[in-house]
Amino acid sequence: MYNYYFAIASDSFFLNQEPIEEVLRERTQYYQNCDKDIDFWFVLNPGFIHLLDDDSNFLKMPNSCAAIISLDKKFIQWLKLRVVFVHVGSFKSQSIFLPNV
């Protein structure tokens, strides 16, 4: 069973209001320097939202949302501190994440 952690917000927030491209580029470079496999993904309109509890705030997101998903809980916690205006959460899956799931 895989544990996934995510930060989710409107796609406009991630793409227009926050320098998320720069943050992910720096993280990718850090992983390459440490010879670590990439364990995070940026996904537009993630399909996993329907797997979450109905009472979660994630279901109240605008129609167009985006998520950064990772196997690394500390990365998502750091991202929440860095970006602030995102919702965070987690889900479990028996398979490795596919971005359009």
PDB file of N, CA and C in Angstrom:
ATOM      1  N   MET A   1       0.857  -1.170   0.000  1.00  0.00           N
ATOM      2  CA  MET A   1       0.000   0.000   0.000  1.00  0.00           C
ATOM      3  C   MET A   1       0.906   1.237   0.000  1.00  0.00           C
ATOM      4  N   TYR A   2       0.610   2.170  -0.866  1.00  0.00           N
ATOM      5  CA  TYR A   2       1.374   3.412  -0.963  1.00  0.00           C
ATOM      6  C   TYR A   2       0.619   4.538  -0.264  1.00  0.00           C
ATOM      7  N   ASN A   3       1.339   5.356   0.485  1.00  0.00           N
ATOM      8  CA  ASN A   3       0.767   6.550   1.106  1.00  0.00           C
ATOM      9  C   ASN A   3       1.161   7.753   0.269  1.00  0.00           C
ATOM     10  N   TYR A   4       0.160   8.495  -0.156  1.00  0.00           N
ATOM     11  CA  TYR A   4       0.389   9.697  -0.943  1.00  0.00           C
ATOM     12  C   TYR A   4      -0.049  10.906  -0.133  1.00  0.00           C
ATOM     13  N   TYR A   5       0.698  11.969  -0.279  1.00  0.00           N
ATOM     14  CA  TYR A   5       0.399  13.227   0.400  1.00  0.00           C
ATOM     15  C   TYR A   5       0.254  14.279  -0.688  1.00  0.00           C
ATOM     16  N   PHE A   6      -0.631  15.235  -0.456  1.00  0.00           N
ATOM     17  CA  PHE A   6      -0.859  16.225  -1.508  1.00  0.00           C
ATOM     18  C   PHE A   6      -1.140  17.603  -0.945  1.00  0.00           C
ATOM     19  N   ALA A   7      -0.870  18.577  -1.789  1.00  0.00           N
ATOM     20  CA  ALA A   7      -1.261  19.968  -1.567  1.00  0.00           C
ATOM     21  C   ALA A   7      -2.128  20.325  -2.765  1.00  0.00           C
ATOM     22  N   ILE A   8      -3.311  20.873  -2.498  1.00  0.00           N
ATOM     23  CA  ILE A   8      -4.255  21.153  -3.576  1.00  0.00           C
ATOM     24  C   ILE A   8      -4.761  22.587  -3.459  1.00  0.00           C
ATOM     25  N   ALA A   9      -4.959  23.206  -4.620  1.00  0.00           N
ATOM     26  CA  ALA A   9      -5.477  24.577  -4.691  1.00  0.00           C
ATOM     27  C   ALA A   9      -6.074  24.766  -6.085  1.00  0.00           C
ATOM     28  N   SER A  10      -6.599  25.935  -6.339  1.00  0.00           N
ATOM     29  CA  SER A  10      -7.111  26.196  -7.681  1.00  0.00           C
ATOM     30  C   SER A  10      -5.936  26.206  -8.655  1.00  0.00           C
ATOM     31  N   ASP A  11      -6.193  25.809  -9.887  1.00  0.00           N
ATOM     32  CA  ASP A  11      -5.108  25.805 -10.859  1.00  0.00           C
ATOM     33  C   ASP A  11      -4.601  27.218 -11.108  1.00  0.00           C
ATOM     34  N   SER A  12      -5.479  28.191 -11.049  1.00  0.00           N
ATOM     35  CA  SER A  12      -5.063  29.581 -11.239  1.00  0.00           C
ATOM     36  C   SER A  12      -4.112  30.031 -10.132  1.00  0.00           C
ATOM     37  N   PHE A  13      -4.353  29.573  -8.905  1.00  0.00           N
ATOM     38  CA  PHE A  13      -3.454  29.915  -7.795  1.00  0.00           C
ATOM     39  C   PHE A  13      -2.059  29.346  -8.057  1.00  0.00           C
ATOM     40  N   PHE A  14      -1.994  28.059  -8.376  1.00  0.00           N
ATOM     41  CA  PHE A  14      -0.693  27.436  -8.613  1.00  0.00           C
ATOM     42  C   PHE A  14       0.007  27.996  -9.844  1.00  0.00           C
ATOM     43  N   LEU A  15      -0.745  28.236 -10.906  1.00  0.00           N
ATOM     44  CA  LEU A  15      -0.123  28.621 -12.174  1.00  0.00           C
ATOM     45  C   LEU A  15       0.111  30.123 -12.319  1.00  0.00           C
ATOM     46  N   ASN A  16      -0.679  30.953 -11.639  1.00  0.00           N
ATOM     47  CA  ASN A  16      -0.574  32.395 -11.856  1.00  0.00           C
ATOM     48  C   ASN A  16      -0.139  33.196 -10.633  1.00  0.00           C
ATOM     49  N   GLN A  17      -0.477  32.724  -9.440  1.00  0.00           N
ATOM     50  CA  GLN A  17      -0.223  33.524  -8.254  1.00  0.00           C
ATOM     51  C   GLN A  17       1.001  33.091  -7.467  1.00  0.00           C
ATOM     52  N   GLU A  18       1.412  31.867  -7.608  1.00  0.00           N
ATOM     53  CA  GLU A  18       2.560  31.345  -6.864  1.00  0.00           C
ATOM     54  C   GLU A  18       3.650  30.902  -7.839  1.00  0.00           C
ATOM     55  N   PRO A  19       4.895  31.050  -7.450  1.00  0.00           N
ATOM     56  CA  PRO A  19       5.994  30.611  -8.331  1.00  0.00           C
ATOM     57  C   PRO A  19       6.213  29.099  -8.230  1.00  0.00           C
ATOM     58  N   ILE A  20       5.153  28.324  -8.423  1.00  0.00           N
ATOM     59  CA  ILE A  20       5.229  26.887  -8.193  1.00  0.00           C
ATOM     60  C   ILE A  20       6.169  26.209  -9.182  1.00  0.00           C
ATOM     61  N   GLU A  21       6.245  26.747 -10.402  1.00  0.00           N
ATOM     62  CA  GLU A  21       7.171  26.175 -11.381  1.00  0.00           C
ATOM     63  C   GLU A  21       8.609  26.263 -10.861  1.00  0.00           C
ATOM     64  N   GLU A  22       8.947  27.391 -10.294  1.00  0.00           N
ATOM     65  CA  GLU A  22      10.291  27.578  -9.735  1.00  0.00           C
ATOM     66  C   GLU A  22      10.533  26.639  -8.553  1.00  0.00           C
ATOM     67  N   VAL A  23       9.551  26.510  -7.682  1.00  0.00           N
ATOM     68  CA  VAL A  23       9.670  25.630  -6.519  1.00  0.00           C
ATOM     69  C   VAL A  23       9.906  24.184  -6.964  1.00  0.00           C
ATOM     70  N   LEU A  24       9.135  23.724  -7.939  1.00  0.00           N
ATOM     71  CA  LEU A  24       9.273  22.344  -8.418  1.00  0.00           C
ATOM     72  C   LEU A  24      10.575  22.142  -9.189  1.00  0.00           C
ATOM     73  N   ARG A  25      10.991  23.163  -9.924  1.00  0.00           N
ATOM     74  CA  ARG A  25      12.269  23.074 -10.638  1.00  0.00           C
ATOM     75  C   ARG A  25      13.437  22.947  -9.643  1.00  0.00           C
ATOM     76  N   GLU A  26      13.401  23.761  -8.578  1.00  0.00           N
ATOM     77  CA  GLU A  26      14.439  23.676  -7.550  1.00  0.00           C
ATOM     78  C   GLU A  26      14.419  22.322  -6.853  1.00  0.00           C
ATOM     79  N   ARG A  27      13.236  21.795  -6.585  1.00  0.00           N
ATOM     80  CA  ARG A  27      13.117  20.489  -5.934  1.00  0.00           C
ATOM     81  C   ARG A  27      13.659  19.388  -6.842  1.00  0.00           C
ATOM     82  N   THR A  28      13.358  19.485  -8.133  1.00  0.00           N
ATOM     83  CA  THR A  28      13.869  18.512  -9.103  1.00  0.00           C
ATOM     84  C   THR A  28      15.391  18.545  -9.146  1.00  0.00           C
ATOM     85  N   GLN A  29      15.942  19.739  -9.166  1.00  0.00           N
ATOM     86  CA  GLN A  29      17.400  19.878  -9.180  1.00  0.00           C
ATOM     87  C   GLN A  29      18.014  19.300  -7.900  1.00  0.00           C
ATOM     88  N   TYR A  30      17.387  19.559  -6.773  1.00  0.00           N
ATOM     89  CA  TYR A  30      17.856  19.002  -5.499  1.00  0.00           C
ATOM     90  C   TYR A  30      17.862  17.476  -5.550  1.00  0.00           C
ATOM     91  N   TYR A  31      16.781  16.878  -6.058  1.00  0.00           N
ATOM     92  CA  TYR A  31      16.699  15.423  -6.162  1.00  0.00           C
ATOM     93  C   TYR A  31      17.803  14.883  -7.073  1.00  0.00           C
ATOM     94  N   GLN A  32      18.041  15.558  -8.194  1.00  0.00           N
ATOM     95  CA  GLN A  32      19.091  15.121  -9.110  1.00  0.00           C
ATOM     96  C   GLN A  32      20.454  15.190  -8.448  1.00  0.00           C
ATOM     97  N   ASN A  33      20.711  16.251  -7.703  1.00  0.00           N
ATOM     98  CA  ASN A  33      21.994  16.400  -7.011  1.00  0.00           C
ATOM     99  C   ASN A  33      22.192  15.329  -5.943  1.00  0.00           C
ATOM    100  N   CYS A  34      21.101  14.889  -5.336  1.00  0.00           N
ATOM    101  CA  CYS A  34      21.159  13.846  -4.298  1.00  0.00           C
ATOM    102  C   CYS A  34      21.016  12.444  -4.883  1.00  0.00           C
ATOM    103  N   ASP A  35      20.897  12.356  -6.217  1.00  0.00           N
ATOM    104  CA  ASP A  35      20.704  11.079  -6.904  1.00  0.00           C
ATOM    105  C   ASP A  35      19.463  10.353  -6.368  1.00  0.00           C
ATOM    106  N   LYS A  36      18.389  11.111  -6.202  1.00  0.00           N
ATOM    107  CA  LYS A  36      17.124  10.580  -5.677  1.00  0.00           C
ATOM    108  C   LYS A  36      16.079  10.575  -6.796  1.00  0.00           C
ATOM    109  N   ASP A  37      15.278   9.520  -6.838  1.00  0.00           N
ATOM    110  CA  ASP A  37      14.210   9.445  -7.830  1.00  0.00           C
ATOM    111  C   ASP A  37      13.126  10.474  -7.518  1.00  0.00           C
ATOM    112  N   ILE A  38      12.555  11.044  -8.573  1.00  0.00           N
ATOM    113  CA  ILE A  38      11.456  11.994  -8.411  1.00  0.00           C
ATOM    114  C   ILE A  38      10.260  11.249  -7.821  1.00  0.00           C
ATOM    115  N   ASP A  39       9.714  11.766  -6.732  1.00  0.00           N
ATOM    116  CA  ASP A  39       8.566  11.142  -6.080  1.00  0.00           C
ATOM    117  C   ASP A  39       7.435  12.142  -5.885  1.00  0.00           C
ATOM    118  N   PHE A  40       7.350  13.103  -6.811  1.00  0.00           N
ATOM    119  CA  PHE A  40       6.259  14.078  -6.746  1.00  0.00           C
ATOM    120  C   PHE A  40       5.787  14.394  -8.162  1.00  0.00           C
ATOM    121  N   TRP A  41       4.519  14.817  -8.236  1.00  0.00           N
ATOM    122  CA  TRP A  41       3.889  15.107  -9.509  1.00  0.00           C
ATOM    123  C   TRP A  41       3.021  16.351  -9.370  1.00  0.00           C
ATOM    124  N   PHE A  42       2.949  17.143 -10.432  1.00  0.00           N
ATOM    125  CA  PHE A  42       2.010  18.266 -10.513  1.00  0.00           C
ATOM    126  C   PHE A  42       0.900  17.820 -11.442  1.00  0.00           C
ATOM    127  N   VAL A  43      -0.347  17.859 -10.955  1.00  0.00           N
ATOM    128  CA  VAL A  43      -1.475  17.309 -11.706  1.00  0.00           C
ATOM    129  C   VAL A  43      -2.601  18.332 -11.772  1.00  0.00           C
ATOM    130  N   LEU A  44      -3.091  18.586 -12.978  1.00  0.00           N
ATOM    131  CA  LEU A  44      -4.267  19.427 -13.158  1.00  0.00           C
ATOM    132  C   LEU A  44      -5.516  18.569 -13.048  1.00  0.00           C
ATOM    133  N   ASN A  45      -6.526  19.080 -12.369  1.00  0.00           N
ATOM    134  CA  ASN A  45      -7.802  18.373 -12.172  1.00  0.00           C
ATOM    135  C   ASN A  45      -7.602  16.912 -11.768  1.00  0.00           C
ATOM    136  N   PRO A  46      -6.961  16.688 -10.623  1.00  0.00           N
ATOM    137  CA  PRO A  46      -6.673  15.308 -10.199  1.00  0.00           C
ATOM    138  C   PRO A  46      -7.943  14.500  -9.958  1.00  0.00           C
ATOM    139  N   GLY A  47      -7.898  13.264 -10.399  1.00  0.00           N
ATOM    140  CA  GLY A  47      -9.051  12.386 -10.266  1.00  0.00           C
ATOM    141  C   GLY A  47      -9.219  11.769  -8.891  1.00  0.00           C
ATOM    142  N   PHE A  48      -8.212  11.878  -8.029  1.00  0.00           N
ATOM    143  CA  PHE A  48      -8.296  11.231  -6.724  1.00  0.00           C
ATOM    144  C   PHE A  48      -9.229  11.960  -5.758  1.00  0.00           C
ATOM    145  N   ILE A  49      -9.674  13.149  -6.095  1.00  0.00           N
ATOM    146  CA  ILE A  49     -10.524  13.922  -5.185  1.00  0.00           C
ATOM    147  C   ILE A  49     -11.779  13.136  -4.816  1.00  0.00           C
ATOM    148  N   HIS A  50     -12.328  12.389  -5.753  1.00  0.00           N
ATOM    149  CA  HIS A  50     -13.543  11.618  -5.467  1.00  0.00           C
ATOM    150  C   HIS A  50     -13.305  10.505  -4.450  1.00  0.00           C
ATOM    151  N   LEU A  51     -12.043  10.163  -4.180  1.00  0.00           N
ATOM    152  CA  LEU A  51     -11.730   9.132  -3.194  1.00  0.00           C
ATOM    153  C   LEU A  51     -11.735   9.656  -1.763  1.00  0.00           C
ATOM    154  N   LEU A  52     -11.777  10.978  -1.609  1.00  0.00           N
ATOM    155  CA  LEU A  52     -11.680  11.600  -0.291  1.00  0.00           C
ATOM    156  C   LEU A  52     -13.041  11.660   0.387  1.00  0.00           C
ATOM    157  N   ASP A  53     -13.030  11.888   1.680  1.00  0.00           N
ATOM    158  CA  ASP A  53     -14.271  11.995   2.447  1.00  0.00           C
ATOM    159  C   ASP A  53     -15.137  13.132   1.912  1.00  0.00           C
ATOM    160  N   ASP A  54     -16.452  12.923   1.916  1.00  0.00           N
ATOM    161  CA  ASP A  54     -17.381  13.941   1.432  1.00  0.00           C
ATOM    162  C   ASP A  54     -17.342  15.221   2.261  1.00  0.00           C
ATOM    163  N   ASP A  55     -16.969  15.128   3.527  1.00  0.00           N
ATOM    164  CA  ASP A  55     -16.979  16.304   4.388  1.00  0.00           C
ATOM    165  C   ASP A  55     -15.656  17.085   4.339  1.00  0.00           C
ATOM    166  N   SER A  56     -14.738  16.679   3.483  1.00  0.00           N
ATOM    167  CA  SER A  56     -13.463  17.396   3.395  1.00  0.00           C
ATOM    168  C   SER A  56     -13.620  18.677   2.591  1.00  0.00           C
ATOM    169  N   ASN A  57     -12.753  19.612   2.851  1.00  0.00           N
ATOM    170  CA  ASN A  57     -12.768  20.885   2.129  1.00  0.00           C
ATOM    171  C   ASN A  57     -12.348  20.727   0.678  1.00  0.00           C
ATOM    172  N   PHE A  58     -11.736  19.631   0.330  1.00  0.00           N
ATOM    173  CA  PHE A  58     -11.223  19.451  -1.015  1.00  0.00           C
ATOM    174  C   PHE A  58     -12.350  19.390  -2.035  1.00  0.00           C
ATOM    175  N   LEU A  59     -13.502  18.870  -1.625  1.00  0.00           N
ATOM    176  CA  LEU A  59     -14.617  18.768  -2.554  1.00  0.00           C
ATOM    177  C   LEU A  59     -15.239  20.121  -2.844  1.00  0.00           C
ATOM    178  N   LYS A  60     -14.895  21.127  -2.051  1.00  0.00           N
ATOM    179  CA  LYS A  60     -15.421  22.471  -2.243  1.00  0.00           C
ATOM    180  C   LYS A  60     -14.488  23.320  -3.104  1.00  0.00           C
ATOM    181  N   MET A  61     -13.482  22.695  -3.668  1.00  0.00           N
ATOM    182  CA  MET A  61     -12.533  23.404  -4.515  1.00  0.00           C
ATOM    183  C   MET A  61     -13.232  23.864  -5.781  1.00  0.00           C
ATOM    184  N   PRO A  62     -12.682  24.905  -6.422  1.00  0.00           N
ATOM    185  CA  PRO A  62     -13.248  25.328  -7.707  1.00  0.00           C
ATOM    186  C   PRO A  62     -13.171  24.188  -8.728  1.00  0.00           C
ATOM    187  N   ASN A  63     -13.915  24.334  -9.801  1.00  0.00           N
ATOM    188  CA  ASN A  63     -13.936  23.278 -10.815  1.00  0.00           C
ATOM    189  C   ASN A  63     -12.553  22.936 -11.344  1.00  0.00           C
ATOM    190  N   SER A  64     -11.730  23.938 -11.538  1.00  0.00           N
ATOM    191  CA  SER A  64     -10.378  23.700 -12.044  1.00  0.00           C
ATOM    192  C   SER A  64      -9.397  23.782 -10.895  1.00  0.00           C
ATOM    193  N   CYS A  65      -8.885  22.651 -10.496  1.00  0.00           N
ATOM    194  CA  CYS A  65      -7.914  22.638  -9.405  1.00  0.00           C
ATOM    195  C   CYS A  65      -6.656  21.929  -9.873  1.00  0.00           C
ATOM    196  N   ALA A  66      -5.649  22.032  -9.059  1.00  0.00           N
ATOM    197  CA  ALA A  66      -4.373  21.383  -9.342  1.00  0.00           C
ATOM    198  C   ALA A  66      -3.826  20.853  -8.025  1.00  0.00           C
ATOM    199  N   ALA A  67      -2.985  19.842  -8.120  1.00  0.00           N
ATOM    200  CA  ALA A  67      -2.411  19.255  -6.915  1.00  0.00           C
ATOM    201  C   ALA A  67      -0.951  18.904  -7.151  1.00  0.00           C
ATOM    202  N   ILE A  68      -0.199  18.992  -6.085  1.00  0.00           N
ATOM    203  CA  ILE A  68       1.146  18.453  -6.059  1.00  0.00           C
ATOM    204  C   ILE A  68       1.061  17.238  -5.153  1.00  0.00           C
ATOM    205  N   ILE A  69       1.413  16.098  -5.690  1.00  0.00           N
ATOM    206  CA  ILE A  69       1.279  14.823  -4.993  1.00  0.00           C
ATOM    207  C   ILE A  69       2.672  14.254  -4.787  1.00  0.00           C
ATOM    208  N   SER A  70       2.913  13.684  -3.614  1.00  0.00           N
ATOM    209  CA  SER A  70       4.230  13.149  -3.320  1.00  0.00           C
ATOM    210  C   SER A  70       4.138  11.946  -2.395  1.00  0.00           C
ATOM    211  N   LEU A  71       5.155  11.137  -2.438  1.00  0.00           N
ATOM    212  CA  LEU A  71       5.301  10.049  -1.475  1.00  0.00           C
ATOM    213  C   LEU A  71       5.971  10.552  -0.199  1.00  0.00           C
ATOM    214  N   ASP A  72       6.496  11.768  -0.244  1.00  0.00           N
ATOM    215  CA  ASP A  72       7.258  12.363   0.852  1.00  0.00           C
ATOM    216  C   ASP A  72       6.394  13.342   1.651  1.00  0.00           C
ATOM    217  N   LYS A  73       5.959  12.910   2.822  1.00  0.00           N
ATOM    218  CA  LYS A  73       5.097  13.732   3.673  1.00  0.00           C
ATOM    219  C   LYS A  73       5.782  15.042   4.068  1.00  0.00           C
ATOM    220  N   LYS A  74       7.077  14.992   4.337  1.00  0.00           N
ATOM    221  CA  LYS A  74       7.804  16.199   4.752  1.00  0.00           C
ATOM    222  C   LYS A  74       7.852  17.241   3.641  1.00  0.00           C
ATOM    223  N   PHE A  75       7.941  16.791   2.394  1.00  0.00           N
ATOM    224  CA  PHE A  75       7.924  17.729   1.273  1.00  0.00           C
ATOM    225  C   PHE A  75       6.598  18.476   1.221  1.00  0.00           C
ATOM    226  N   ILE A  76       5.491  17.772   1.381  1.00  0.00           N
ATOM    227  CA  ILE A  76       4.174  18.416   1.348  1.00  0.00           C
ATOM    228  C   ILE A  76       4.012  19.346   2.549  1.00  0.00           C
ATOM    229  N   GLN A  77       4.506  18.950   3.714  1.00  0.00           N
ATOM    230  CA  GLN A  77       4.451  19.835   4.881  1.00  0.00           C
ATOM    231  C   GLN A  77       5.267  21.103   4.632  1.00  0.00           C
ATOM    232  N   TRP A  78       6.449  20.948   4.051  1.00  0.00           N
ATOM    233  CA  TRP A  78       7.281  22.102   3.713  1.00  0.00           C
ATOM    234  C   TRP A  78       6.567  22.982   2.696  1.00  0.00           C
ATOM    235  N   LEU A  79       5.930  22.351   1.698  1.00  0.00           N
ATOM    236  CA  LEU A  79       5.214  23.093   0.663  1.00  0.00           C
ATOM    237  C   LEU A  79       4.073  23.903   1.265  1.00  0.00           C
ATOM    238  N   LYS A  80       3.356  23.326   2.224  1.00  0.00           N
ATOM    239  CA  LYS A  80       2.272  24.036   2.908  1.00  0.00           C
ATOM    240  C   LYS A  80       2.816  25.281   3.607  1.00  0.00           C
ATOM    241  N   LEU A  81       3.982  25.172   4.235  1.00  0.00           N
ATOM    242  CA  LEU A  81       4.594  26.338   4.883  1.00  0.00           C
ATOM    243  C   LEU A  81       5.067  27.358   3.860  1.00  0.00           C
ATOM    244  N   ARG A  82       5.555  26.896   2.733  1.00  0.00           N
ATOM    245  CA  ARG A  82       6.095  27.774   1.689  1.00  0.00           C
ATOM    246  C   ARG A  82       4.998  28.496   0.935  1.00  0.00           C
ATOM    247  N   VAL A  83       3.928  27.777   0.605  1.00  0.00           N
ATOM    248  CA  VAL A  83       2.869  28.336  -0.234  1.00  0.00           C
ATOM    249  C   VAL A  83       1.704  28.872   0.595  1.00  0.00           C
ATOM    250  N   VAL A  84       1.414  28.307   1.719  1.00  0.00           N
ATOM    251  CA  VAL A  84       0.400  28.678   2.701  1.00  0.00           C
ATOM    252  C   VAL A  84      -1.033  28.430   2.238  1.00  0.00           C
ATOM    253  N   PHE A  85      -1.487  29.039   1.162  1.00  0.00           N
ATOM    254  CA  PHE A  85      -2.903  28.981   0.788  1.00  0.00           C
ATOM    255  C   PHE A  85      -3.242  27.732  -0.028  1.00  0.00           C
ATOM    256  N   VAL A  86      -2.937  26.574   0.525  1.00  0.00           N
ATOM    257  CA  VAL A  86      -3.281  25.299  -0.093  1.00  0.00           C
ATOM    258  C   VAL A  86      -3.923  24.410   0.972  1.00  0.00           C
ATOM    259  N   HIS A  87      -4.687  23.451   0.533  1.00  0.00           N
ATOM    260  CA  HIS A  87      -5.209  22.422   1.427  1.00  0.00           C
ATOM    261  C   HIS A  87      -4.267  21.230   1.297  1.00  0.00           C
ATOM    262  N   VAL A  88      -4.029  20.549   2.398  1.00  0.00           N
ATOM    263  CA  VAL A  88      -3.184  19.359   2.336  1.00  0.00           C
ATOM    264  C   VAL A  88      -3.964  18.158   2.847  1.00  0.00           C
ATOM    265  N   GLY A  89      -3.536  17.002   2.428  1.00  0.00           N
ATOM    266  CA  GLY A  89      -4.192  15.779   2.858  1.00  0.00           C
ATOM    267  C   GLY A  89      -3.406  14.579   2.388  1.00  0.00           C
ATOM    268  N   SER A  90      -4.024  13.430   2.500  1.00  0.00           N
ATOM    269  CA  SER A  90      -3.355  12.202   2.084  1.00  0.00           C
ATOM    270  C   SER A  90      -4.392  11.185   1.625  1.00  0.00           C
ATOM    271  N   PHE A  91      -3.918  10.195   0.911  1.00  0.00           N
ATOM    272  CA  PHE A  91      -4.748   9.060   0.527  1.00  0.00           C
ATOM    273  C   PHE A  91      -3.835   7.855   0.341  1.00  0.00           C
ATOM    274  N   LYS A  92      -4.422   6.693   0.324  1.00  0.00           N
ATOM    275  CA  LYS A  92      -3.675   5.448   0.138  1.00  0.00           C
ATOM    276  C   LYS A  92      -4.118   4.799  -1.157  1.00  0.00           C
ATOM    277  N   SER A  93      -3.174   4.107  -1.765  1.00  0.00           N
ATOM    278  CA  SER A  93      -3.465   3.378  -2.989  1.00  0.00           C
ATOM    279  C   SER A  93      -2.631   2.109  -3.018  1.00  0.00           C
ATOM    280  N   GLN A  94      -3.172   1.082  -3.639  1.00  0.00           N
ATOM    281  CA  GLN A  94      -2.426  -0.165  -3.754  1.00  0.00           C
ATOM    282  C   GLN A  94      -1.448  -0.134  -4.917  1.00  0.00           C
ATOM    283  N   SER A  95      -1.568   0.880  -5.766  1.00  0.00           N
ATOM    284  CA  SER A  95      -0.662   0.964  -6.911  1.00  0.00           C
ATOM    285  C   SER A  95       0.062   2.300  -6.902  1.00  0.00           C
ATOM    286  N   ILE A  96       1.116   2.356  -7.679  1.00  0.00           N
ATOM    287  CA  ILE A  96       1.878   3.588  -7.796  1.00  0.00           C
ATOM    288  C   ILE A  96       0.999   4.599  -8.518  1.00  0.00           C
ATOM    289  N   PHE A  97       1.122   5.837  -8.140  1.00  0.00           N
ATOM    290  CA  PHE A  97       0.268   6.904  -8.662  1.00  0.00           C
ATOM    291  C   PHE A  97       0.443   7.088 -10.161  1.00  0.00           C
ATOM    292  N   LEU A  98      -0.662   7.225 -10.848  1.00  0.00           N
ATOM    293  CA  LEU A  98      -0.651   7.608 -12.247  1.00  0.00           C
ATOM    294  C   LEU A  98      -1.281   8.994 -12.319  1.00  0.00           C
ATOM    295  N   PRO A  99      -0.623   9.969 -12.943  1.00  0.00           N
ATOM    296  CA  PRO A  99      -1.094  11.345 -12.899  1.00  0.00           C
ATOM    297  C   PRO A  99      -2.543  11.569 -13.311  1.00  0.00           C
ATOM    298  N   ASN A 100      -3.114  10.778 -14.194  1.00  0.00           N
ATOM    299  CA  ASN A 100      -4.498  11.020 -14.609  1.00  0.00           C
ATOM    300  C   ASN A 100      -5.494  10.140 -13.873  1.00  0.00           C
ATOM    301  N   VAL A 101      -5.110   9.595 -12.711  1.00  0.00           N
ATOM    302  CA  VAL A 101      -6.012   8.770 -11.896  1.00  0.00           C
ATOM    303  C   VAL A 101      -6.895   9.670 -11.056  1.00  0.00           C
TER     304      VAL A 101
END
